[in-house]
């Protein structure tokens, strides 16, 4: 395979992050852009030099030259579209979450096994240089997690996306935002989650979702995790991870890392880039070229969705 040709579905905030990352990767070209609002999609396509624009994913999948698809579409479409891509013979990377139900997540994993295609989920925390730095110390036997304390905070009392634009679908603290931390905790500890508890605040009268949530996790090796999530927070926005270990404390803020004294740690040599989304995409394309399972394959992240399902049962 000379150049990997890609169709990207979803030209919103996260789709643009992927387009910016892919620009930096040799041997990859986005040739088709899919979006429900055709005028906006055409604007983005023109900016990035993408020749084909469609309102329907099926139109892009019908292009024989498309090798792979990146899905940055609404959560509720992820599982069905991932399977649609594999049925069309295309490798697929679907943005987090893989699905919003365990049944659908399992169906995607089953189809990947059946087709043998590369199918990956955008669990970006596995690729952020900050978290990679901690992971390498764990693998070297230099650090052992005792506790992770995580805050996922946004201010979204109305249905807005990361760019402050109105959304046509509803985001979810459990199936989307908690997925990042549940998967990261198991990946970093190298130990499955054996105990999980959750409580949630009041249900929003129009959005129909809990705006505040608290989750506790325990891994088989004894490490624990406390996760607080909110769409009501007017302070700093984003997800902040505190690793408390036997030899150090680390604070990760996306791609940046600090020690417990808030002194910045240089993680620039951890990987080829300081952009977690770009690194995630590099892994996807490398796995396609090398014919191997990628880090954050749909099979690898399935245990995360089993935990989310368990938590949903608790919340009723």
C-alpha atoms as a PDB file:
ATOM      1  CA  UNK A   1       0.000   0.000   0.000  1.00  0.00           C
ATOM      2  CA  UNK A   2       1.594   3.272  -1.108  1.00  0.00           C
ATOM      3  CA  UNK A   3      -0.646   6.047   0.184  1.00  0.00           C
ATOM      4  CA  UNK A   4      -3.454   5.312   2.641  1.00  0.00           C
ATOM      5  CA  UNK A   5      -6.601   7.079   1.439  1.00  0.00           C
ATOM      6  CA  UNK A   6      -9.031   8.102   4.131  1.00  0.00           C
ATOM      7  CA  UNK A   7     -12.659   9.153   4.436  1.00  0.00           C
ATOM      8  CA  UNK A   8     -13.455  11.226   7.526  1.00  0.00           C
ATOM      9  CA  UNK A   9     -17.033  11.437   8.772  1.00  0.00           C
ATOM     10  CA  UNK A  10     -17.966  14.345  11.024  1.00  0.00           C
ATOM     11  CA  UNK A  11     -16.470  17.732  10.181  1.00  0.00           C
ATOM     12  CA  UNK A  12     -17.062  19.219  13.645  1.00  0.00           C
ATOM     13  CA  UNK A  13     -14.662  20.097  16.469  1.00  0.00           C
ATOM     14  CA  UNK A  14     -13.027  16.664  16.739  1.00  0.00           C
ATOM     15  CA  UNK A  15     -13.034  15.954  13.031  1.00  0.00           C
ATOM     16  CA  UNK A  16     -10.965  19.102  12.528  1.00  0.00           C
ATOM     17  CA  UNK A  17      -8.501  17.947  15.216  1.00  0.00           C
ATOM     18  CA  UNK A  18      -7.994  14.752  13.223  1.00  0.00           C
ATOM     19  CA  UNK A  19      -7.580  16.664   9.950  1.00  0.00           C
ATOM     20  CA  UNK A  20      -4.899  18.837  11.580  1.00  0.00           C
ATOM     21  CA  UNK A  21      -3.095  15.739  12.882  1.00  0.00           C
ATOM     22  CA  UNK A  22      -3.265  13.845   9.585  1.00  0.00           C
ATOM     23  CA  UNK A  23      -1.667  16.784   7.745  1.00  0.00           C
ATOM     24  CA  UNK A  24       1.533  15.959   9.664  1.00  0.00           C
ATOM     25  CA  UNK A  25       1.574  12.247   8.745  1.00  0.00           C
ATOM     26  CA  UNK A  26       3.379  11.133   5.584  1.00  0.00           C
ATOM     27  CA  UNK A  27       1.728   8.695   3.218  1.00  0.00           C
ATOM     28  CA  UNK A  28      -1.844   9.477   4.244  1.00  0.00           C
ATOM     29  CA  UNK A  29      -4.444  11.528   2.385  1.00  0.00           C
ATOM     30  CA  UNK A  30      -8.017  12.407   3.328  1.00  0.00           C
ATOM     31  CA  UNK A  31      -9.929  12.159   0.048  1.00  0.00           C
ATOM     32  CA  UNK A  32     -13.537  12.284   1.273  1.00  0.00           C
ATOM     33  CA  UNK A  33     -15.312  14.309   3.960  1.00  0.00           C
ATOM     34  CA  UNK A  34     -18.771  13.426   5.258  1.00  0.00           C
ATOM     35  CA  UNK A  35     -21.043  15.860   7.106  1.00  0.00           C
ATOM     36  CA  UNK A  36     -24.761  16.343   7.587  1.00  0.00           C
ATOM     37  CA  UNK A  37     -24.573  20.103   6.921  1.00  0.00           C
ATOM     38  CA  UNK A  38     -23.253  20.095   3.361  1.00  0.00           C
ATOM     39  CA  UNK A  39     -22.358  23.803   3.132  1.00  0.00           C
ATOM     40  CA  UNK A  40     -20.237  23.692   6.309  1.00  0.00           C
ATOM     41  CA  UNK A  41     -18.662  20.424   5.207  1.00  0.00           C
ATOM     42  CA  UNK A  42     -17.729  21.934   1.841  1.00  0.00           C
ATOM     43  CA  UNK A  43     -16.063  24.862   3.646  1.00  0.00           C
ATOM     44  CA  UNK A  44     -13.921  22.505   5.743  1.00  0.00           C
ATOM     45  CA  UNK A  45     -13.113  20.353   2.688  1.00  0.00           C
ATOM     46  CA  UNK A  46     -11.957  23.409   0.747  1.00  0.00           C
ATOM     47  CA  UNK A  47      -9.719  24.492   3.620  1.00  0.00           C
ATOM     48  CA  UNK A  48      -8.021  21.076   3.796  1.00  0.00           C
ATOM     49  CA  UNK A  49      -7.945  20.361   0.056  1.00  0.00           C
ATOM     50  CA  UNK A  50     -10.357  17.423   0.209  1.00  0.00           C
ATOM     51  CA  UNK A  51     -11.866  16.698  -3.200  1.00  0.00           C
ATOM     52  CA  UNK A  52     -14.977  14.680  -2.315  1.00  0.00           C
ATOM     53  CA  UNK A  53     -17.804  15.788  -0.026  1.00  0.00           C
ATOM     54  CA  UNK A  54     -20.870  13.750   0.929  1.00  0.00           C
ATOM     55  CA  UNK A  55     -23.834  14.005   3.276  1.00  0.00           C
ATOM     56  CA  UNK A  56     -24.129  10.202   3.553  1.00  0.00           C
ATOM     57  CA  UNK A  57     -21.374   7.881   4.787  1.00  0.00           C
ATOM     58  CA  UNK A  58     -22.494   5.207   2.306  1.00  0.00           C
ATOM     59  CA  UNK A  59     -21.450   7.474  -0.574  1.00  0.00           C
ATOM     60  CA  UNK A  60     -17.880   7.654   0.738  1.00  0.00           C
ATOM     61  CA  UNK A  61     -17.776   3.919   1.472  1.00  0.00           C
ATOM     62  CA  UNK A  62     -18.708   3.277  -2.163  1.00  0.00           C
ATOM     63  CA  UNK A  63     -15.436   4.897  -3.290  1.00  0.00           C
ATOM     64  CA  UNK A  64     -13.120   1.999  -4.165  1.00  0.00           C
ATOM     65  CA  UNK A  65     -10.003   4.054  -3.429  1.00  0.00           C
ATOM     66  CA  UNK A  66     -10.969   4.623   0.231  1.00  0.00           C
ATOM     67  CA  UNK A  67      -8.855   2.338   2.433  1.00  0.00           C
ATOM     68  CA  UNK A  68      -9.862   3.545   5.875  1.00  0.00           C
ATOM     69  CA  UNK A  69     -12.455   5.634   7.681  1.00  0.00           C
ATOM     70  CA  UNK A  70     -12.267   7.834  10.763  1.00  0.00           C
ATOM     71  CA  UNK A  71     -15.634   8.380  12.459  1.00  0.00           C
ATOM     72  CA  UNK A  72     -16.114  11.619  14.420  1.00  0.00           C
ATOM     73  CA  UNK A  73     -19.895  11.400  14.345  1.00  0.00           C
ATOM     74  CA  UNK A  74     -22.456  11.524  17.208  1.00  0.00           C
ATOM     75  CA  UNK A  75     -22.016   8.839  19.882  1.00  0.00           C
ATOM     76  CA  UNK A  76     -25.300   7.141  19.038  1.00  0.00           C
ATOM     77  CA  UNK A  77     -24.036   6.380  15.511  1.00  0.00           C
ATOM     78  CA  UNK A  78     -20.592   5.009  16.397  1.00  0.00           C
ATOM     79  CA  UNK A  79     -21.303   1.284  16.613  1.00  0.00           C
ATOM     80  CA  UNK A  80     -23.590   1.038  13.588  1.00  0.00           C
ATOM     81  CA  UNK A  81     -21.282   3.138  11.418  1.00  0.00           C
ATOM     82  CA  UNK A  82     -18.168   1.219  12.522  1.00  0.00           C
ATOM     83  CA  UNK A  83     -19.868  -2.003  11.426  1.00  0.00           C
ATOM     84  CA  UNK A  84     -21.047  -0.325   8.200  1.00  0.00           C
ATOM     85  CA  UNK A  85     -17.410   0.543   7.410  1.00  0.00           C
ATOM     86  CA  UNK A  86     -16.160  -2.990   8.065  1.00  0.00           C
ATOM     87  CA  UNK A  87     -18.987  -4.483   5.972  1.00  0.00           C
ATOM     88  CA  UNK A  88     -17.706  -2.275   3.139  1.00  0.00           C
ATOM     89  CA  UNK A  89     -14.197  -3.685   3.630  1.00  0.00           C
ATOM     90  CA  UNK A  90     -12.710  -0.526   5.157  1.00  0.00           C
ATOM     91  CA  UNK A  91     -10.438  -0.243   8.182  1.00  0.00           C
ATOM     92  CA  UNK A  92     -12.054   1.992  10.795  1.00  0.00           C
ATOM     93  CA  UNK A  93     -11.129   4.212  13.702  1.00  0.00           C
ATOM     94  CA  UNK A  94     -14.145   5.363  15.679  1.00  0.00           C
ATOM     95  CA  UNK A  95     -13.879   8.240  18.119  1.00  0.00           C
ATOM     96  CA  UNK A  96     -14.592   7.509  21.770  1.00  0.00           C
ATOM     97  CA  UNK A  97     -16.945   6.016  22.837  1.00  0.00           C
ATOM     98  CA  UNK A  98     -17.044   2.786  20.865  1.00  0.00           C
ATOM     99  CA  UNK A  99     -20.762   2.504  21.653  1.00  0.00           C
ATOM    100  CA  UNK A 100     -23.352   3.628  24.172  1.00  0.00           C
ATOM    101  CA  UNK A 101     -24.349   0.084  25.103  1.00  0.00           C
ATOM    102  CA  UNK A 102     -22.419  -3.101  25.866  1.00  0.00           C
ATOM    103  CA  UNK A 103     -24.458  -5.057  23.314  1.00  0.00           C
ATOM    104  CA  UNK A 104     -23.387  -2.724  20.512  1.00  0.00           C
ATOM    105  CA  UNK A 105     -19.746  -2.667  21.664  1.00  0.00           C
ATOM    106  CA  UNK A 106     -19.660  -6.466  21.585  1.00  0.00           C
ATOM    107  CA  UNK A 107     -21.196  -6.474  18.104  1.00  0.00           C
ATOM    108  CA  UNK A 108     -18.402  -4.230  16.785  1.00  0.00           C
ATOM    109  CA  UNK A 109     -15.728  -6.472  18.327  1.00  0.00           C
ATOM    110  CA  UNK A 110     -17.380  -9.564  16.830  1.00  0.00           C
ATOM    111  CA  UNK A 111     -17.388  -7.995  13.359  1.00  0.00           C
ATOM    112  CA  UNK A 112     -13.726  -7.035  13.637  1.00  0.00           C
ATOM    113  CA  UNK A 113     -12.860 -10.641  14.477  1.00  0.00           C
ATOM    114  CA  UNK A 114     -14.959 -11.824  11.538  1.00  0.00           C
ATOM    115  CA  UNK A 115     -13.434  -9.418   8.990  1.00  0.00           C
ATOM    116  CA  UNK A 116      -9.852  -9.190  10.299  1.00  0.00           C
ATOM    117  CA  UNK A 117      -9.791  -5.467   9.501  1.00  0.00           C
ATOM    118  CA  UNK A 118      -8.077  -2.901  11.709  1.00  0.00           C
ATOM    119  CA  UNK A 119     -10.716  -1.482  14.040  1.00  0.00           C
ATOM    120  CA  UNK A 120      -9.621   0.987  16.682  1.00  0.00           C
ATOM    121  CA  UNK A 121     -11.318   3.294  19.169  1.00  0.00           C
ATOM    122  CA  UNK A 122     -10.124   6.807  19.977  1.00  0.00           C
ATOM    123  CA  UNK A 123      -9.058   6.290  23.586  1.00  0.00           C
ATOM    124  CA  UNK A 124      -6.677   9.243  23.288  1.00  0.00           C
ATOM    125  CA  UNK A 125      -5.315   9.072  26.825  1.00  0.00           C
ATOM    126  CA  UNK A 126      -3.282   6.009  25.832  1.00  0.00           C
ATOM    127  CA  UNK A 127      -1.448   8.248  23.347  1.00  0.00           C
ATOM    128  CA  UNK A 128      -1.020  11.586  25.170  1.00  0.00           C
ATOM    129  CA  UNK A 129       2.733  11.992  25.877  1.00  0.00           C
ATOM    130  CA  UNK A 130       1.915  12.778  29.526  1.00  0.00           C
ATOM    131  CA  UNK A 131       0.240   9.418  30.103  1.00  0.00           C
ATOM    132  CA  UNK A 132       2.788   7.595  27.941  1.00  0.00           C
ATOM    133  CA  UNK A 133       5.563   8.971  30.194  1.00  0.00           C
ATOM    134  CA  UNK A 134       3.850   7.496  33.260  1.00  0.00           C
ATOM    135  CA  UNK A 135       3.213   4.214  31.412  1.00  0.00           C
ATOM    136  CA  UNK A 136       6.878   3.851  30.491  1.00  0.00           C
ATOM    137  CA  UNK A 137       7.902   4.376  34.139  1.00  0.00           C
ATOM    138  CA  UNK A 138       5.405   1.695  35.196  1.00  0.00           C
ATOM    139  CA  UNK A 139       6.719  -0.737  32.556  1.00  0.00           C
ATOM    140  CA  UNK A 140      10.288  -0.060  33.727  1.00  0.00           C
ATOM    141  CA  UNK A 141       9.296  -0.939  37.305  1.00  0.00           C
ATOM    142  CA  UNK A 142      10.050   2.613  38.495  1.00  0.00           C
ATOM    143  CA  UNK A 143       6.516   3.627  39.468  1.00  0.00           C
ATOM    144  CA  UNK A 144       3.487   1.820  40.841  1.00  0.00           C
ATOM    145  CA  UNK A 145       0.065   3.475  41.008  1.00  0.00           C
ATOM    146  CA  UNK A 146      -1.626   3.484  44.385  1.00  0.00           C
ATOM    147  CA  UNK A 147      -4.442   5.851  43.461  1.00  0.00           C
ATOM    148  CA  UNK A 148      -5.668   7.941  40.550  1.00  0.00           C
ATOM    149  CA  UNK A 149      -7.764  11.018  41.273  1.00  0.00           C
ATOM    150  CA  UNK A 150      -9.466  12.350  38.143  1.00  0.00           C
ATOM    151  CA  UNK A 151     -11.666  15.371  37.455  1.00  0.00           C
ATOM    152  CA  UNK A 152     -13.618  15.681  34.197  1.00  0.00           C
ATOM    153  CA  UNK A 153     -15.225  19.105  34.184  1.00  0.00           C
ATOM    154  CA  UNK A 154     -17.168  21.032  31.539  1.00  0.00           C
ATOM    155  CA  UNK A 155     -19.703  23.852  31.485  1.00  0.00           C
ATOM    156  CA  UNK A 156     -22.491  22.557  29.254  1.00  0.00           C
ATOM    157  CA  UNK A 157     -25.867  23.467  30.726  1.00  0.00           C
ATOM    158  CA  UNK A 158     -27.076  23.724  27.145  1.00  0.00           C
ATOM    159  CA  UNK A 159     -26.292  21.283  24.351  1.00  0.00           C
ATOM    160  CA  UNK A 160     -22.982  22.657  23.027  1.00  0.00           C
ATOM    161  CA  UNK A 161     -19.896  21.077  21.491  1.00  0.00           C
ATOM    162  CA  UNK A 162     -16.231  21.795  22.269  1.00  0.00           C
ATOM    163  CA  UNK A 163     -16.328  24.877  19.997  1.00  0.00           C
ATOM    164  CA  UNK A 164     -19.371  26.336  21.774  1.00  0.00           C
ATOM    165  CA  UNK A 165     -21.671  25.475  18.868  1.00  0.00           C
ATOM    166  CA  UNK A 166     -25.154  23.919  19.279  1.00  0.00           C
ATOM    167  CA  UNK A 167     -25.187  20.117  19.121  1.00  0.00           C
ATOM    168  CA  UNK A 168     -27.780  18.006  17.351  1.00  0.00           C
ATOM    169  CA  UNK A 169     -27.237  15.129  19.809  1.00  0.00           C
ATOM    170  CA  UNK A 170     -26.719  14.734  23.552  1.00  0.00           C
ATOM    171  CA  UNK A 171     -23.321  13.953  25.066  1.00  0.00           C
ATOM    172  CA  UNK A 172     -23.091  11.643  28.090  1.00  0.00           C
ATOM    173  CA  UNK A 173     -20.871  11.700  31.173  1.00  0.00           C
ATOM    174  CA  UNK A 174     -20.886   7.914  31.651  1.00  0.00           C
ATOM    175  CA  UNK A 175     -20.660   6.447  28.148  1.00  0.00           C
ATOM    176  CA  UNK A 176     -18.332   9.111  26.747  1.00  0.00           C
ATOM    177  CA  UNK A 177     -16.332  10.996  29.345  1.00  0.00           C
ATOM    178  CA  UNK A 178     -15.986   8.261  31.968  1.00  0.00           C
ATOM    179  CA  UNK A 179     -14.821   5.876  29.223  1.00  0.00           C
ATOM    180  CA  UNK A 180     -11.528   7.778  28.957  1.00  0.00           C
ATOM    181  CA  UNK A 181     -10.678   7.247  32.619  1.00  0.00           C
ATOM    182  CA  UNK A 182     -12.038   3.713  33.059  1.00  0.00           C
ATOM    183  CA  UNK A 183      -9.904   2.501  30.138  1.00  0.00           C
ATOM    184  CA  UNK A 184      -6.839   4.515  31.158  1.00  0.00           C
ATOM    185  CA  UNK A 185      -6.951   3.225  34.751  1.00  0.00           C
ATOM    186  CA  UNK A 186      -6.999  -0.428  33.612  1.00  0.00           C
ATOM    187  CA  UNK A 187      -4.295   0.225  30.968  1.00  0.00           C
ATOM    188  CA  UNK A 188      -1.973   2.049  33.358  1.00  0.00           C
ATOM    189  CA  UNK A 189      -2.333  -0.439  36.212  1.00  0.00           C
ATOM    190  CA  UNK A 190      -2.150  -3.416  33.847  1.00  0.00           C
ATOM    191  CA  UNK A 191      -4.906  -4.894  35.973  1.00  0.00           C
ATOM    192  CA  UNK A 192      -8.634  -5.378  35.303  1.00  0.00           C
ATOM    193  CA  UNK A 193     -11.259  -3.382  37.182  1.00  0.00           C
ATOM    194  CA  UNK A 194     -12.823  -5.739  39.758  1.00  0.00           C
ATOM    195  CA  UNK A 195     -15.008  -3.287  41.657  1.00  0.00           C
ATOM    196  CA  UNK A 196     -16.916  -0.262  40.377  1.00  0.00           C
ATOM    197  CA  UNK A 197     -19.407   2.067  42.062  1.00  0.00           C
ATOM    198  CA  UNK A 198     -21.285   5.117  40.764  1.00  0.00           C
ATOM    199  CA  UNK A 199     -23.710   7.758  41.967  1.00  0.00           C
ATOM    200  CA  UNK A 200     -25.218  10.602  39.967  1.00  0.00           C
ATOM    201  CA  UNK A 201     -26.869  13.942  40.577  1.00  0.00           C
ATOM    202  CA  UNK A 202     -30.262  15.194  39.342  1.00  0.00           C
ATOM    203  CA  UNK A 203     -31.373  14.513  35.767  1.00  0.00           C
ATOM    204  CA  UNK A 204     -31.463  17.666  33.616  1.00  0.00           C
ATOM    205  CA  UNK A 205     -35.115  18.525  32.797  1.00  0.00           C
ATOM    206  CA  UNK A 206     -34.565  19.020  29.045  1.00  0.00           C
ATOM    207  CA  UNK A 207     -31.315  17.163  28.228  1.00  0.00           C
ATOM    208  CA  UNK A 208     -32.474  14.053  30.076  1.00  0.00           C
ATOM    209  CA  UNK A 209     -29.003  13.226  31.440  1.00  0.00           C
ATOM    210  CA  UNK A 210     -27.245  13.514  34.794  1.00  0.00           C
ATOM    211  CA  UNK A 211     -25.076  16.640  34.876  1.00  0.00           C
ATOM    212  CA  UNK A 212     -22.911  15.403  37.777  1.00  0.00           C
ATOM    213  CA  UNK A 213     -21.497  11.975  38.542  1.00  0.00           C
ATOM    214  CA  UNK A 214     -19.009  10.279  40.878  1.00  0.00           C
ATOM    215  CA  UNK A 215     -17.312   6.948  40.134  1.00  0.00           C
ATOM    216  CA  UNK A 216     -15.023   4.712  42.208  1.00  0.00           C
ATOM    217  CA  UNK A 217     -12.921   1.929  40.720  1.00  0.00           C
ATOM    218  CA  UNK A 218     -10.654  -0.767  42.147  1.00  0.00           C
ATOM    219  CA  UNK A 219      -8.219  -2.850  40.102  1.00  0.00           C
ATOM    220  CA  UNK A 220      -7.330  -6.468  40.803  1.00  0.00           C
ATOM    221  CA  UNK A 221      -3.853  -5.358  41.949  1.00  0.00           C
ATOM    222  CA  UNK A 222      -5.368  -3.124  44.667  1.00  0.00           C
ATOM    223  CA  UNK A 223      -4.981   0.291  42.982  1.00  0.00           C
ATOM    224  CA  UNK A 224      -7.992   2.594  43.289  1.00  0.00           C
ATOM    225  CA  UNK A 225      -9.429   5.433  41.213  1.00  0.00           C
ATOM    226  CA  UNK A 226     -11.817   8.247  42.092  1.00  0.00           C
ATOM    227  CA  UNK A 227     -13.473  10.056  39.176  1.00  0.00           C
ATOM    228  CA  UNK A 228     -15.611  13.196  39.460  1.00  0.00           C
ATOM    229  CA  UNK A 229     -17.524  14.382  36.371  1.00  0.00           C
ATOM    230  CA  UNK A 230     -19.622  17.493  35.809  1.00  0.00           C
ATOM    231  CA  UNK A 231     -21.275  19.504  33.051  1.00  0.00           C
ATOM    232  CA  UNK A 232     -21.983  22.248  35.625  1.00  0.00           C
ATOM    233  CA  UNK A 233     -18.439  23.423  36.332  1.00  0.00           C
ATOM    234  CA  UNK A 234     -17.545  27.048  35.523  1.00  0.00           C
ATOM    235  CA  UNK A 235     -13.882  26.659  36.484  1.00  0.00           C
ATOM    236  CA  UNK A 236     -11.046  25.209  34.396  1.00  0.00           C
ATOM    237  CA  UNK A 237     -12.477  22.913  31.744  1.00  0.00           C
ATOM    238  CA  UNK A 238     -11.178  19.514  30.703  1.00  0.00           C
ATOM    239  CA  UNK A 239      -9.901  16.379  32.409  1.00  0.00           C
ATOM    240  CA  UNK A 240      -7.127  16.450  34.978  1.00  0.00           C
ATOM    241  CA  UNK A 241      -5.400  13.302  36.230  1.00  0.00           C
ATOM    242  CA  UNK A 242      -3.453  12.963  39.478  1.00  0.00           C
ATOM    243  CA  UNK A 243      -1.356   9.798  39.699  1.00  0.00           C
ATOM    244  CA  UNK A 244      -0.413   8.998  43.296  1.00  0.00           C
ATOM    245  CA  UNK A 245       2.233   6.296  43.402  1.00  0.00           C
ATOM    246  CA  UNK A 246       4.873   4.661  45.544  1.00  0.00           C
ATOM    247  CA  UNK A 247       7.743   6.808  44.224  1.00  0.00           C
ATOM    248  CA  UNK A 248       6.159   9.996  42.851  1.00  0.00           C
ATOM    249  CA  UNK A 249       3.032  12.032  42.177  1.00  0.00           C
ATOM    250  CA  UNK A 250       2.171  13.138  38.639  1.00  0.00           C
ATOM    251  CA  UNK A 251      -0.483  15.523  37.350  1.00  0.00           C
ATOM    252  CA  UNK A 252      -1.466  15.100  33.692  1.00  0.00           C
ATOM    253  CA  UNK A 253      -3.352  17.786  31.796  1.00  0.00           C
ATOM    254  CA  UNK A 254      -3.886  16.429  28.269  1.00  0.00           C
ATOM    255  CA  UNK A 255      -0.421  16.283  26.651  1.00  0.00           C
ATOM    256  CA  UNK A 256       1.360  18.116  29.503  1.00  0.00           C
ATOM    257  CA  UNK A 257       2.719  16.559  32.703  1.00  0.00           C
ATOM    258  CA  UNK A 258       3.698  18.035  36.091  1.00  0.00           C
ATOM    259  CA  UNK A 259       5.014  16.593  39.330  1.00  0.00           C
ATOM    260  CA  UNK A 260       3.162  16.928  42.631  1.00  0.00           C
ATOM    261  CA  UNK A 261       4.821  20.300  43.222  1.00  0.00           C
ATOM    262  CA  UNK A 262       3.395  21.618  39.914  1.00  0.00           C
ATOM    263  CA  UNK A 263       6.835  21.599  38.275  1.00  0.00           C
ATOM    264  CA  UNK A 264       6.540  20.829  34.564  1.00  0.00           C
ATOM    265  CA  UNK A 265       8.114  17.601  33.315  1.00  0.00           C
ATOM    266  CA  UNK A 266       9.607  17.553  29.816  1.00  0.00           C
ATOM    267  CA  UNK A 267       7.780  14.837  27.873  1.00  0.00           C
ATOM    268  CA  UNK A 268       8.841  16.044  24.422  1.00  0.00           C
ATOM    269  CA  UNK A 269      11.086  13.009  23.866  1.00  0.00           C
ATOM    270  CA  UNK A 270       8.420  10.451  24.737  1.00  0.00           C
ATOM    271  CA  UNK A 271       7.088  10.160  21.180  1.00  0.00           C
ATOM    272  CA  UNK A 272       7.401  11.656  17.696  1.00  0.00           C
ATOM    273  CA  UNK A 273       4.843  14.362  18.478  1.00  0.00           C
ATOM    274  CA  UNK A 274       3.323  16.221  21.418  1.00  0.00           C
ATOM    275  CA  UNK A 275      -0.190  15.904  19.943  1.00  0.00           C
ATOM    276  CA  UNK A 276      -2.183  12.970  21.342  1.00  0.00           C
ATOM    277  CA  UNK A 277      -4.703  12.953  18.471  1.00  0.00           C
ATOM    278  CA  UNK A 278      -1.923  12.877  15.885  1.00  0.00           C
ATOM    279  CA  UNK A 279      -0.210  10.022  17.748  1.00  0.00           C
ATOM    280  CA  UNK A 280      -3.505   8.137  17.896  1.00  0.00           C
ATOM    281  CA  UNK A 281      -3.908   8.512  14.127  1.00  0.00           C
ATOM    282  CA  UNK A 282      -0.279   7.478  13.521  1.00  0.00           C
ATOM    283  CA  UNK A 283      -0.973   4.239  15.421  1.00  0.00           C
ATOM    284  CA  UNK A 284      -4.078   3.558  13.319  1.00  0.00           C
ATOM    285  CA  UNK A 285      -2.240   3.985  10.016  1.00  0.00           C
ATOM    286  CA  UNK A 286       0.831   2.062  11.225  1.00  0.00           C
ATOM    287  CA  UNK A 287      -1.372  -0.885  12.224  1.00  0.00           C
ATOM    288  CA  UNK A 288      -2.953  -0.877   8.734  1.00  0.00           C
ATOM    289  CA  UNK A 289       0.457  -0.840   7.023  1.00  0.00           C
ATOM    290  CA  UNK A 290       1.915  -3.501   9.322  1.00  0.00           C
ATOM    291  CA  UNK A 291      -1.176  -5.733   9.384  1.00  0.00           C
ATOM    292  CA  UNK A 292      -1.330  -5.827  13.179  1.00  0.00           C
ATOM    293  CA  UNK A 293      -3.648  -5.053  16.077  1.00  0.00           C
ATOM    294  CA  UNK A 294      -3.382  -1.395  17.137  1.00  0.00           C
ATOM    295  CA  UNK A 295      -3.094  -0.078  20.661  1.00  0.00           C
ATOM    296  CA  UNK A 296      -6.703   0.744  21.683  1.00  0.00           C
ATOM    297  CA  UNK A 297      -8.163  -1.822  19.304  1.00  0.00           C
ATOM    298  CA  UNK A 298     -11.875  -2.401  19.783  1.00  0.00           C
ATOM    299  CA  UNK A 299     -11.074  -5.737  21.439  1.00  0.00           C
ATOM    300  CA  UNK A 300      -8.614  -4.136  23.878  1.00  0.00           C
ATOM    301  CA  UNK A 301     -11.075  -1.452  25.018  1.00  0.00           C
ATOM    302  CA  UNK A 302     -14.112  -3.751  25.351  1.00  0.00           C
ATOM    303  CA  UNK A 303     -13.507  -4.354  29.109  1.00  0.00           C
ATOM    304  CA  UNK A 304     -14.008  -0.598  29.621  1.00  0.00           C
ATOM    305  CA  UNK A 305     -17.516  -0.841  28.179  1.00  0.00           C
ATOM    306  CA  UNK A 306     -18.260  -3.870  30.363  1.00  0.00           C
ATOM    307  CA  UNK A 307     -17.485  -1.678  33.391  1.00  0.00           C
ATOM    308  CA  UNK A 308     -19.619   1.194  32.038  1.00  0.00           C
ATOM    309  CA  UNK A 309     -22.492  -1.245  31.574  1.00  0.00           C
ATOM    310  CA  UNK A 310     -22.107  -2.410  35.173  1.00  0.00           C
ATOM    311  CA  UNK A 311     -22.153   1.201  36.372  1.00  0.00           C
ATOM    312  CA  UNK A 312     -25.241   1.995  34.277  1.00  0.00           C
ATOM    313  CA  UNK A 313     -27.050  -0.915  35.925  1.00  0.00           C
ATOM    314  CA  UNK A 314     -26.247   0.587  39.335  1.00  0.00           C
ATOM    315  CA  UNK A 315     -27.518   4.011  38.318  1.00  0.00           C
ATOM    316  CA  UNK A 316     -30.791   2.535  37.130  1.00  0.00           C
END
